[in-house]
Amino acid sequence: MSIADPSIQHIFQLNNIVMQANVANPYLTQRLFQESEQHLISEKPFEFQSSLLRENAHVVDLLSLKHDGVSRSTSKAITTQAAPTVSSSINSLSVLNAAAQAKSEIGRAGIKRLLPVLQERPNDVGLLLTIVQLYVSTNNLESAISLLEPFFKRFEESETASLQDVRFTPGLVGILVTLYSLQGRKSHVRTELTKATSYWRRRSKHEPLSSLPKSLLCATGVTLLENGTGEDLSTAIEIFGELHTQDPSDRSIVAGLVAASAAAQEESQRNQISDDILSNLTPIPQLTATVDVDALEFKGIPRPETSSVTANASTLKKRKIEEPRPHEEKKLRKSKVPKDYDPAHPPKLDPERWLPMKERSYWKPKKKRGKGGGAAQGATQGGLAVEEKDKGRTQDAKPAVGSGGGGGGAKKKKKGKGTKW
C-alpha cells in the first residue's frame, strides 16, 4: 500500500507499530519509530498531532529504559509553561516525567521516589495526579485525600483568578468528590460540590452561560435533591433553571428541574413548571405501555442483593444448633505406647506435668557431694588446720634435720689434754 502524503504515511507506520501486541524487543520498536520519523523532514503535522507523536516517542524511550533522557526532555517542556496549568499536553508530559523520575516503578516504591520531586514542584498538576493514582492503586485513599486537600486549600485562598480556575476545575473537583464517595463521606461531597458550583455561578455573571461546567452543576443539583431540605431544594431549582436556559433540550436537566420543583415547599416554585418544559419529557403512558402488571404481580417483589457479610450472617442464624458429637478417643501408635501399657488400665497422668520440675510439689533437691566423697570433703574443709599443723612440725624438725646432716657436727668436742703454757 503506497501513501503519497508523508505525514499520513508516518501516522500509518506508527499505528502499525502500536498495534503489534506484546512487543518482545522494545529496542527494535524504538528503532522502527525513529526510522519512521525520517519521513517528516520536509513536512510537519499539526500541533495536536505533534503533541501525541512526542508522547508516543517518550513512551517508547521509557520502554527502552532511557529514563534520564525522557526526564531531561520533558523537564524542558514543562518549565516553559507557568504552573499550575490545566493544559492536557503539559500535564501529559508531567506524567511521563514522573514515570521517568520513578524509573518506571509503581506502588510504594514509585511513591517514595516521587514525593521529593513534588516538594520541588508543588504546583505541578500532572505530578500530583500521578502520585494520587499510585496511592489509589495501593488502596491508600486517606493519603490521596490528604495530598489533594492542602493543594486545593492553597489555591482557594489565593486571589489570583487563574489559580482559582485551576482549583475549581471540574476534573480535579470530580477526583476529590470520588475519593470522598468511596469513603462514604457524604457531607464532604456536598460541601465540595456546593463550593465549586457557587464559584462557577459567580463567574457566569460576567461571562456567558456557555462557560458553566454542565456536568459539575448537574452533580451538585442531584446531591442537593438527595438532601431534601428547603434551602437545598431552592438552590437545586436555581441550578437546574440556569442549565435549562443554557440547553433546553437536555432531558436530564429537565427531569432535575421538575423533581426539584415538585419537592419544593413554596407554591410559586411548584407552579413554575410549564407545559413546554414537561413536553420535553417522555409521557407516562408511553413509559408504562410495555409494562405487564399481571406478570409483575406473579413474580413478586424482588429482594435486594445482600453483601457477602450479611448473607453469611443470615445463614448462620438460620442454621440449626447441632448437638455435640461424642468425643472419639484416638488410637495411639505402637511407637508411642510403652511396653507394659494396658489399654484396660491406663496409667494415671500427672496433673502437675505442665509445670517445671522445680515447681512441682513432690520435687526434692539432691544433696551436693564432692568428688572424693566424705574424706575428700573433710580434707578440703580442714586444709587450713593441716597446713598450720605441718608448719609447726616443720619448725620443730629443723634442728633434727641439721643434727643428722654433718655426722656429729652438733656435738661439742672434748678438750684434749695438753701441756700448759
Protein backbone atom coordinates (compact mmCIF):
# COMPACT_ATOMS: atom_id res chain seq x y z
CA MET A 1 0.00 0.00 0.00
CA SER A 2 1.56 3.30 -1.16
CA ILE A 3 0.72 6.57 0.61
CA ALA A 4 1.81 9.82 -1.01
CA ASP A 5 1.38 12.14 1.98
CA PRO A 6 4.46 11.83 4.30
CA SER A 7 2.58 12.78 7.46
CA ILE A 8 -0.17 10.24 6.80
CA GLN A 9 2.45 7.63 5.98
CA HIS A 10 4.22 8.37 9.26
CA ILE A 11 1.00 8.02 11.26
CA PHE A 12 0.17 4.80 9.41
CA GLN A 13 3.56 3.29 10.29
CA LEU A 14 3.21 4.32 13.92
CA ASN A 15 -0.21 2.74 14.13
CA ASN A 16 1.23 -0.50 12.78
CA ILE A 17 3.92 -0.40 15.45
CA VAL A 18 1.41 0.29 18.20
CA MET A 19 -0.96 -2.46 17.04
CA GLN A 20 1.76 -5.07 17.49
CA ALA A 21 0.72 -6.69 20.76
CA ASN A 22 3.29 -7.95 23.29
CA VAL A 23 6.37 -6.33 21.85
CA ALA A 24 9.22 -8.57 22.97
CA ASN A 25 12.03 -6.23 21.96
CA PRO A 26 11.38 -2.57 22.89
CA TYR A 27 14.71 -1.51 21.38
CA LEU A 28 13.58 -2.75 17.97
CA THR A 29 10.35 -0.80 18.41
CA GLN A 30 12.35 2.34 19.15
CA ARG A 31 14.45 1.83 16.03
CA LEU A 32 11.34 1.46 13.86
CA PHE A 33 9.87 4.55 15.47
CA GLN A 34 12.98 6.62 14.69
CA GLU A 35 13.09 5.38 11.10
CA SER A 36 9.50 6.49 10.55
CA GLU A 37 10.34 9.99 11.79
CA GLN A 38 12.71 10.49 8.87
CA HIS A 39 9.71 10.92 6.53
CA LEU A 40 8.74 14.15 8.35
CA ILE A 41 11.81 16.22 7.46
CA SER A 42 10.05 18.28 4.82
CA GLU A 43 6.52 18.37 6.23
CA LYS A 44 5.29 18.64 9.80
CA PRO A 45 1.91 17.58 11.19
CA PHE A 46 -0.50 19.82 13.09
CA GLU A 47 0.15 20.76 16.69
CA PHE A 48 -2.42 18.35 18.16
CA GLN A 49 -0.78 15.58 16.14
CA SER A 50 2.74 16.64 17.09
CA SER A 51 1.94 16.53 20.83
CA LEU A 52 0.64 12.97 20.53
CA LEU A 53 3.67 11.91 18.50
CA ARG A 54 6.02 13.37 21.12
CA GLU A 55 4.21 11.49 23.85
CA ASN A 56 4.49 8.26 21.87
CA ALA A 57 8.21 8.84 21.42
CA HIS A 58 8.66 9.33 25.18
CA VAL A 59 6.71 6.16 25.90
CA VAL A 60 8.94 4.16 23.54
CA ASP A 61 12.01 5.64 25.25
CA LEU A 62 10.66 4.63 28.66
CA LEU A 63 10.18 1.08 27.42
CA SER A 64 13.82 1.15 26.30
CA LEU A 65 14.86 2.23 29.87
CA LYS A 66 16.04 5.68 28.74
CA HIS A 67 14.75 7.35 31.91
CA ASP A 68 17.35 10.11 32.12
CA GLY A 69 16.77 11.25 28.55
CA VAL A 70 12.99 11.37 28.99
CA SER A 71 13.39 13.25 32.26
CA ARG A 72 15.59 15.94 30.68
CA SER A 73 13.48 16.44 27.56
CA THR A 74 10.16 16.59 29.42
CA SER A 75 11.54 18.91 32.09
CA LYS A 76 12.48 21.48 29.44
CA ALA A 77 8.93 21.44 28.03
CA ILE A 78 7.34 21.66 31.49
CA THR A 79 9.39 24.66 32.58
CA THR A 80 8.26 26.67 29.56
CA GLN A 81 4.68 26.71 30.92
CA ALA A 82 3.75 28.52 34.13
CA ALA A 83 2.46 26.17 36.83
CA PRO A 84 -0.21 25.30 37.74
CA THR A 85 -1.97 24.66 34.47
CA VAL A 86 -4.84 22.52 33.23
CA SER A 87 -3.31 22.09 29.77
CA SER A 88 -3.64 18.45 28.73
CA SER A 89 -0.39 18.43 26.74
CA ILE A 90 1.70 19.87 29.60
CA ASN A 91 0.13 17.62 32.22
CA SER A 92 0.68 14.60 29.99
CA LEU A 93 4.36 15.48 29.81
CA SER A 94 4.35 15.83 33.61
CA VAL A 95 3.04 12.29 33.91
CA LEU A 96 5.78 11.00 31.59
CA ASN A 97 8.35 12.98 33.57
CA ALA A 98 7.06 11.39 36.78
CA ALA A 99 7.39 7.93 35.21
CA ALA A 100 10.99 8.73 34.28
CA GLN A 101 11.76 10.10 37.76
CA ALA A 102 10.32 6.96 39.35
CA LYS A 103 12.34 4.69 36.99
CA SER A 104 9.01 3.19 35.81
CA GLU A 105 8.33 1.81 39.28
CA ILE A 106 4.81 1.70 40.67
CA GLY A 107 3.28 1.21 44.09
CA ARG A 108 5.09 2.25 47.24
CA ALA A 109 8.48 2.28 45.53
CA GLY A 110 7.24 4.79 42.95
CA ILE A 111 5.60 6.97 45.63
CA LYS A 112 8.83 7.04 47.62
CA ARG A 113 10.72 8.35 44.59
CA LEU A 114 8.10 10.95 43.56
CA LEU A 115 7.31 12.61 46.91
CA PRO A 116 10.67 14.52 46.98
CA VAL A 117 10.01 15.65 43.39
CA LEU A 118 6.60 17.01 44.44
CA GLN A 119 8.28 19.11 47.12
CA GLU A 120 10.39 20.72 44.40
CA ARG A 121 7.38 21.23 42.09
CA PRO A 122 4.37 21.66 44.42
CA ASN A 123 2.18 23.27 41.71
CA ASP A 124 2.63 20.51 39.11
CA VAL A 125 -0.88 19.13 38.50
CA GLY A 126 0.26 16.16 36.41
CA LEU A 127 2.79 15.06 39.02
CA LEU A 128 0.20 15.45 41.78
CA LEU A 129 -2.36 13.33 39.96
CA THR A 130 0.25 10.65 39.27
CA ILE A 131 1.01 10.27 42.99
CA VAL A 132 -2.72 10.27 43.78
CA GLN A 133 -3.20 7.45 41.27
CA LEU A 134 -0.37 5.47 42.87
CA TYR A 135 -1.97 5.91 46.30
CA VAL A 136 -5.31 4.70 44.95
CA SER A 137 -3.65 1.66 43.34
CA THR A 138 -2.33 0.69 46.79
CA ASN A 139 -5.80 1.21 48.40
CA ASN A 140 -4.49 4.16 50.41
CA LEU A 141 -7.36 6.60 49.87
CA GLU A 142 -6.66 8.60 53.02
CA SER A 143 -3.17 9.55 51.83
CA ALA A 144 -4.54 10.51 48.41
CA ILE A 145 -7.11 12.82 50.03
CA SER A 146 -4.53 14.32 52.38
CA LEU A 147 -2.41 15.14 49.33
CA LEU A 148 -5.24 16.84 47.42
CA GLU A 149 -6.78 18.88 50.26
CA PRO A 150 -3.77 21.15 51.01
CA PHE A 151 -3.26 21.62 47.26
CA PHE A 152 -6.84 22.87 46.90
CA LYS A 153 -6.70 24.97 50.04
CA ARG A 154 -3.54 26.78 48.90
CA PHE A 155 -5.14 27.85 45.60
CA GLU A 156 -8.52 28.59 47.15
CA GLU A 157 -7.01 31.19 49.47
CA SER A 158 -5.26 32.88 46.55
CA GLU A 159 -6.82 35.96 44.98
CA THR A 160 -5.45 35.18 41.51
CA ALA A 161 -8.22 34.20 39.10
CA SER A 162 -6.05 31.70 37.19
CA LEU A 163 -5.19 29.80 40.38
CA GLN A 164 -8.84 29.66 41.41
CA ASP A 165 -9.77 28.37 37.97
CA VAL A 166 -7.35 25.50 38.50
CA ARG A 167 -8.69 24.93 42.00
CA PHE A 168 -12.31 24.58 40.82
CA THR A 169 -11.59 22.70 37.60
CA PRO A 170 -14.39 20.12 37.22
CA GLY A 171 -11.91 17.29 36.67
CA LEU A 172 -9.95 17.95 39.88
CA VAL A 173 -13.14 18.50 41.87
CA GLY A 174 -14.51 15.24 40.48
CA ILE A 175 -11.41 13.34 41.65
CA LEU A 176 -11.74 14.62 45.21
CA VAL A 177 -15.51 14.00 45.24
CA THR A 178 -14.97 10.43 44.02
CA LEU A 179 -12.46 9.76 46.81
CA TYR A 180 -14.91 11.18 49.36
CA SER A 181 -17.68 8.97 47.96
CA LEU A 182 -15.52 5.85 48.21
CA GLN A 183 -15.07 6.56 51.90
CA GLY A 184 -18.75 7.34 52.43
CA ARG A 185 -18.18 10.98 53.42
CA LYS A 186 -21.42 12.42 52.06
CA SER A 187 -21.16 15.75 53.89
CA HIS A 188 -17.74 16.39 52.35
CA VAL A 189 -19.14 15.54 48.90
CA ARG A 190 -21.97 18.03 49.33
CA THR A 191 -19.64 20.77 50.65
CA GLU A 192 -17.12 20.37 47.83
CA LEU A 193 -19.73 20.35 45.07
CA THR A 194 -21.59 23.34 46.53
CA LYS A 195 -18.37 25.32 46.84
CA ALA A 196 -17.33 24.63 43.26
CA THR A 197 -20.82 25.37 41.90
CA SER A 198 -21.07 28.70 43.72
CA TYR A 199 -17.70 29.72 42.23
CA TRP A 200 -18.72 28.98 38.63
CA ARG A 201 -22.11 30.62 39.11
CA ARG A 202 -20.37 33.82 40.24
CA ARG A 203 -18.16 33.62 37.17
CA SER A 204 -21.22 33.25 34.91
CA LYS A 205 -22.45 36.73 35.90
CA HIS A 206 -19.54 38.27 33.99
CA GLU A 207 -19.30 35.59 31.30
CA PRO A 208 -21.82 33.83 29.02
CA LEU A 209 -23.78 30.84 30.36
CA SER A 210 -21.98 28.54 27.97
CA SER A 211 -18.91 28.75 30.24
CA LEU A 212 -20.74 26.88 33.02
CA PRO A 213 -19.45 23.33 33.61
CA LYS A 214 -22.59 21.35 32.90
CA SER A 215 -21.52 18.04 34.46
CA LEU A 216 -20.38 19.69 37.70
CA LEU A 217 -23.60 21.63 38.16
CA CYS A 218 -25.77 18.60 37.38
CA ALA A 219 -23.93 16.54 40.01
CA THR A 220 -24.40 19.34 42.55
CA GLY A 221 -28.13 19.57 41.80
CA VAL A 222 -28.61 15.82 42.25
CA THR A 223 -26.72 15.89 45.55
CA LEU A 224 -28.86 18.75 46.85
CA LEU A 225 -32.01 16.87 45.81
CA GLU A 226 -30.94 13.87 47.85
CA ASN A 227 -30.60 16.05 50.95
CA GLY A 228 -34.17 17.36 50.60
CA THR A 229 -34.09 20.46 52.83
CA GLY A 230 -35.81 23.70 51.83
CA GLU A 231 -32.66 25.73 51.21
CA ASP A 232 -31.00 22.94 49.24
CA LEU A 233 -34.10 22.47 47.08
CA SER A 234 -34.17 26.20 46.27
CA THR A 235 -30.52 26.06 45.24
CA ALA A 236 -31.18 22.97 43.12
CA ILE A 237 -34.06 24.75 41.34
CA GLU A 238 -31.77 27.69 40.56
CA ILE A 239 -29.01 25.42 39.26
CA PHE A 240 -31.27 23.36 37.00
CA GLY A 241 -33.01 26.56 35.83
CA GLU A 242 -29.71 28.08 34.68
CA LEU A 243 -28.72 24.84 32.97
CA HIS A 244 -32.12 24.64 31.28
CA THR A 245 -31.61 28.15 29.95
CA GLN A 246 -28.26 27.04 28.53
CA ASP A 247 -29.58 23.79 26.99
CA PRO A 248 -33.41 23.43 26.91
CA SER A 249 -33.31 20.11 25.05
CA ASP A 250 -31.39 18.14 27.71
CA ARG A 251 -33.84 15.70 29.29
CA SER A 252 -31.70 15.04 32.40
CA ILE A 253 -31.70 18.76 33.21
CA VAL A 254 -35.47 18.97 32.65
CA ALA A 255 -36.03 15.94 34.89
CA GLY A 256 -33.91 17.52 37.63
CA LEU A 257 -35.80 20.80 37.36
CA VAL A 258 -39.17 19.04 37.57
CA ALA A 259 -38.08 16.88 40.54
CA ALA A 260 -36.71 19.87 42.47
CA SER A 261 -39.80 21.97 41.75
CA ALA A 262 -42.20 19.19 42.73
CA ALA A 263 -40.46 18.72 46.11
CA ALA A 264 -40.34 22.45 46.87
CA GLN A 265 -42.43 23.81 49.73
CA GLU A 266 -43.45 27.11 48.15
CA GLU A 267 -46.30 27.10 45.64
CA SER A 268 -44.58 29.65 43.41
CA GLN A 269 -41.72 27.22 42.87
CA ARG A 270 -44.05 24.29 42.21
CA ASN A 271 -46.14 26.20 39.70
CA GLN A 272 -43.24 27.48 37.58
CA ILE A 273 -43.10 24.27 35.55
CA SER A 274 -44.87 24.99 32.29
CA ASP A 275 -46.28 22.58 29.73
CA ASP A 276 -43.44 23.43 27.36
CA ILE A 277 -40.92 22.10 29.87
CA LEU A 278 -42.94 18.95 30.53
CA SER A 279 -43.25 18.30 26.82
CA ASN A 280 -39.54 17.54 26.67
CA LEU A 281 -40.02 14.52 28.95
CA THR A 282 -41.36 11.18 27.82
CA PRO A 283 -45.11 10.86 28.64
CA ILE A 284 -46.03 8.45 31.42
CA PRO A 285 -48.40 6.34 29.24
CA GLN A 286 -45.53 5.77 26.82
CA LEU A 287 -43.25 4.64 29.66
CA THR A 288 -45.82 2.19 31.04
CA ALA A 289 -47.10 0.91 27.69
CA THR A 290 -44.88 -2.18 27.69
CA VAL A 291 -45.32 -2.99 31.40
CA ASP A 292 -47.28 -6.18 32.17
CA VAL A 293 -48.89 -5.64 35.57
CA ASP A 294 -50.07 -9.26 35.92
CA ALA A 295 -46.57 -10.58 35.25
CA LEU A 296 -45.13 -8.24 37.87
CA GLU A 297 -47.66 -9.41 40.47
CA PHE A 298 -46.90 -13.03 39.64
CA LYS A 299 -43.13 -12.56 40.03
CA GLY A 300 -43.48 -10.75 43.32
CA ILE A 301 -41.20 -8.17 44.86
CA PRO A 302 -37.53 -8.81 44.17
CA ARG A 303 -35.27 -8.80 47.17
CA PRO A 304 -32.23 -6.57 47.12
CA GLU A 305 -28.89 -8.24 46.80
CA THR A 306 -27.13 -8.54 50.12
CA SER A 307 -23.45 -8.38 50.66
CA SER A 308 -21.40 -11.44 51.45
CA VAL A 309 -21.07 -10.43 55.10
CA THR A 310 -24.83 -10.08 55.67
CA ALA A 311 -25.50 -13.24 53.66
CA ASN A 312 -23.16 -15.27 55.85
CA ALA A 313 -24.73 -13.79 58.98
CA SER A 314 -28.24 -14.75 57.84
CA THR A 315 -27.21 -18.30 57.03
CA LEU A 316 -25.62 -18.64 60.45
CA LYS A 317 -28.85 -17.51 62.12
CA LYS A 318 -30.94 -19.99 60.14
CA ARG A 319 -28.59 -22.88 60.78
CA LYS A 320 -29.81 -25.25 63.47
CA ILE A 321 -27.82 -25.80 66.59
CA GLU A 322 -26.01 -29.05 66.12
CA GLU A 323 -25.78 -31.48 69.01
CA PRO A 324 -22.27 -32.02 70.29
CA ARG A 325 -20.75 -35.18 68.93
CA PRO A 326 -19.33 -37.70 71.40
CA HIS A 327 -15.62 -37.48 71.81
CA GLU A 328 -13.85 -40.23 69.96
CA GLU A 329 -10.62 -41.37 71.51
CA LYS A 330 -7.75 -41.53 69.10
CA LYS A 331 -5.81 -44.73 68.78
CA LEU A 332 -2.21 -44.43 69.84
CA ARG A 333 0.54 -45.65 67.60
CA LYS A 334 2.66 -48.57 68.71
CA SER A 335 5.79 -46.47 68.54
CA LYS A 336 4.33 -44.08 71.16
CA VAL A 337 2.97 -46.74 73.56
CA PRO A 338 5.14 -48.09 76.43
CA LYS A 339 5.98 -51.76 76.58
CA ASP A 340 3.84 -52.56 79.65
CA TYR A 341 0.90 -50.44 78.52
CA ASP A 342 -2.52 -51.93 79.23
CA PRO A 343 -5.40 -50.14 77.45
CA ALA A 344 -7.85 -51.51 80.03
CA HIS A 345 -5.91 -49.95 82.89
CA PRO A 346 -4.13 -46.90 81.51
CA PRO A 347 -1.68 -45.14 83.84
CA LYS A 348 -2.84 -42.01 85.60
CA LEU A 349 -1.47 -38.82 84.19
CA ASP A 350 0.38 -36.47 86.45
CA PRO A 351 -1.76 -33.32 86.99
CA GLU A 352 1.42 -31.29 87.51
CA ARG A 353 3.09 -32.45 84.30
CA TRP A 354 2.72 -28.99 82.72
CA LEU A 355 4.77 -27.32 85.48
CA PRO A 356 8.54 -27.18 85.52
CA MET A 357 10.18 -29.86 87.61
CA LYS A 358 11.34 -27.45 90.31
CA GLU A 359 7.81 -26.09 90.79
CA ARG A 360 6.16 -29.48 91.37
CA SER A 361 5.07 -30.44 94.89
CA TYR A 362 7.00 -33.72 95.01
CA TRP A 363 10.31 -32.36 93.82
CA LYS A 364 13.23 -32.60 96.23
CA PRO A 365 16.64 -31.16 95.53
CA LYS A 366 19.55 -33.57 95.58
CA LYS A 367 22.37 -33.18 98.08
CA LYS A 368 25.60 -31.91 96.66
CA ARG A 369 28.73 -34.01 97.29
CA GLY A 370 32.38 -33.50 96.50
CA LYS A 371 34.36 -35.51 94.01
CA GLY A 372 36.26 -37.52 96.63
CA GLY A 373 33.43 -38.32 98.98
CA GLY A 374 33.47 -37.56 102.75
CA ALA A 375 37.22 -37.97 103.19
CA ALA A 376 37.96 -35.56 100.42
CA GLN A 377 35.36 -33.17 101.75
CA GLY A 378 36.90 -33.38 105.25
CA ALA A 379 40.33 -32.89 103.84
CA THR A 380 39.15 -29.89 101.93
CA GLN A 381 37.39 -28.33 104.88
CA GLY A 382 40.32 -28.87 107.25
CA GLY A 383 43.02 -27.93 104.84
CA LEU A 384 43.96 -24.76 106.68
CA ALA A 385 44.43 -26.62 110.04
CA VAL A 386 46.54 -29.30 108.40
CA GLU A 387 48.79 -26.67 106.88
CA GLU A 388 49.26 -24.97 110.25
CA LYS A 389 50.00 -28.33 111.93
CA ASP A 390 52.52 -29.29 109.26
CA LYS A 391 54.08 -25.87 109.60
CA GLY A 392 54.61 -26.42 113.31
CA ARG A 393 56.11 -29.81 112.72
CA THR A 394 58.44 -28.38 110.17
CA GLN A 395 59.71 -25.77 112.58
CA ASP A 396 60.29 -28.40 115.28
CA ALA A 397 62.11 -30.68 112.89
CA LYS A 398 64.65 -28.11 111.75
CA PRO A 399 67.29 -28.88 114.46
CA ALA A 400 66.89 -32.58 113.89
CA VAL A 401 67.47 -32.13 110.22
CA GLY A 402 70.59 -30.12 110.94
CA SER A 403 71.98 -32.58 113.58
CA GLY A 404 71.91 -35.54 111.33
CA GLY A 405 73.38 -33.95 108.30
CA GLY A 406 77.04 -33.40 109.30
CA GLY A 407 77.92 -36.61 111.18
CA GLY A 408 78.02 -35.19 114.72
CA GLY A 409 78.64 -31.61 113.85
CA ALA A 410 76.26 -30.56 116.57
CA LYS A 411 78.22 -32.32 119.38
CA LYS A 412 80.93 -30.43 121.25
CA LYS A 413 84.42 -31.77 121.00
CA LYS A 414 86.15 -32.62 124.24
CA LYS A 415 89.19 -30.64 125.13
CA GLY A 416 92.22 -32.75 124.75
CA LYS A 417 94.90 -32.97 127.47
CA GLY A 418 97.70 -30.87 126.52
CA THR A 419 100.70 -29.17 128.12
CA LYS A 420 100.32 -25.91 129.83
CA TRP A 421 101.83 -22.78 128.55
